[in-house]
């Protein structure tokens, strides 16, 4: 059985490729964040997740990377 990613993920990836730069993506669950991080890591992008299960230090580190400080 072949696996096909949801169309939303494909549209999101298309949008990110068409409009490069820093982009914030909001999701409604930590599982969604984890899934998107896995997908975009495989697609050779560098996602920076932020969610409640992360230590505050790691969240701040990712936020600083995102803002370019």
Protein backbone atom coordinates (compact mmCIF):
# COMPACT_ATOMS: atom_id res chain seq x y z
CA UNK A 1 0.00 0.00 0.00
CA UNK A 2 1.45 3.37 -0.99
CA UNK A 3 1.46 6.27 1.45
CA UNK A 4 0.43 9.69 0.21
CA UNK A 5 0.80 12.71 2.49
CA UNK A 6 -2.28 14.81 3.14
CA UNK A 7 -2.89 17.56 0.59
CA UNK A 8 -2.53 20.21 3.29
CA UNK A 9 1.09 19.17 3.80
CA UNK A 10 1.78 19.35 0.08
CA UNK A 11 0.20 22.79 -0.20
CA UNK A 12 2.16 23.98 2.81
CA UNK A 13 5.43 22.74 1.32
CA UNK A 14 4.57 24.34 -2.04
CA UNK A 15 3.86 27.65 -0.30
CA UNK A 16 7.18 27.51 1.58
CA UNK A 17 9.10 26.80 -1.61
CA UNK A 18 7.33 29.53 -3.60
CA UNK A 19 7.80 32.16 -0.87
CA UNK A 20 11.16 31.49 0.79
CA UNK A 21 12.10 33.17 4.01
CA UNK A 22 11.06 32.95 7.62
CA UNK A 23 7.56 31.61 8.13
CA UNK A 24 5.51 30.87 11.22
CA UNK A 25 3.20 27.88 11.01
CA UNK A 26 0.58 27.43 13.71
CA UNK A 27 -0.82 23.98 14.41
CA UNK A 28 -3.60 22.75 16.67
CA UNK A 29 -1.64 19.94 18.36
CA UNK A 30 1.85 18.89 19.40
CA UNK A 31 1.45 15.73 17.31
CA UNK A 32 0.91 17.87 14.23
CA UNK A 33 4.05 19.88 15.05
CA UNK A 34 6.08 16.70 15.45
CA UNK A 35 4.76 15.30 12.17
CA UNK A 36 5.52 18.52 10.27
CA UNK A 37 9.02 18.74 11.77
CA UNK A 38 9.70 15.17 10.60
CA UNK A 39 8.38 15.85 7.11
CA UNK A 40 10.25 19.13 6.64
CA UNK A 41 13.47 17.66 8.02
CA UNK A 42 13.26 14.90 5.40
CA UNK A 43 12.66 17.59 2.76
CA UNK A 44 15.95 19.28 3.71
CA UNK A 45 14.43 22.32 5.41
CA UNK A 46 15.33 23.38 8.93
CA UNK A 47 12.19 23.64 11.04
CA UNK A 48 12.36 25.11 14.55
CA UNK A 49 9.54 23.68 16.66
CA UNK A 50 7.97 25.45 19.64
CA UNK A 51 5.55 23.55 21.85
CA UNK A 52 4.74 23.04 25.53
CA UNK A 53 6.64 19.76 25.95
CA UNK A 54 9.96 21.46 25.24
CA UNK A 55 12.12 22.95 27.98
CA UNK A 56 11.89 26.74 28.16
CA UNK A 57 15.61 27.04 27.33
CA UNK A 58 15.13 25.08 24.08
CA UNK A 59 12.06 27.14 23.13
CA UNK A 60 13.98 30.39 23.66
CA UNK A 61 16.94 29.02 21.69
CA UNK A 62 14.69 28.14 18.73
CA UNK A 63 12.96 31.52 18.93
CA UNK A 64 16.33 33.31 18.86
CA UNK A 65 17.41 31.24 15.83
CA UNK A 66 14.17 32.17 14.09
CA UNK A 67 14.57 35.89 14.73
CA UNK A 68 18.20 35.76 13.61
CA UNK A 69 19.76 37.09 16.81
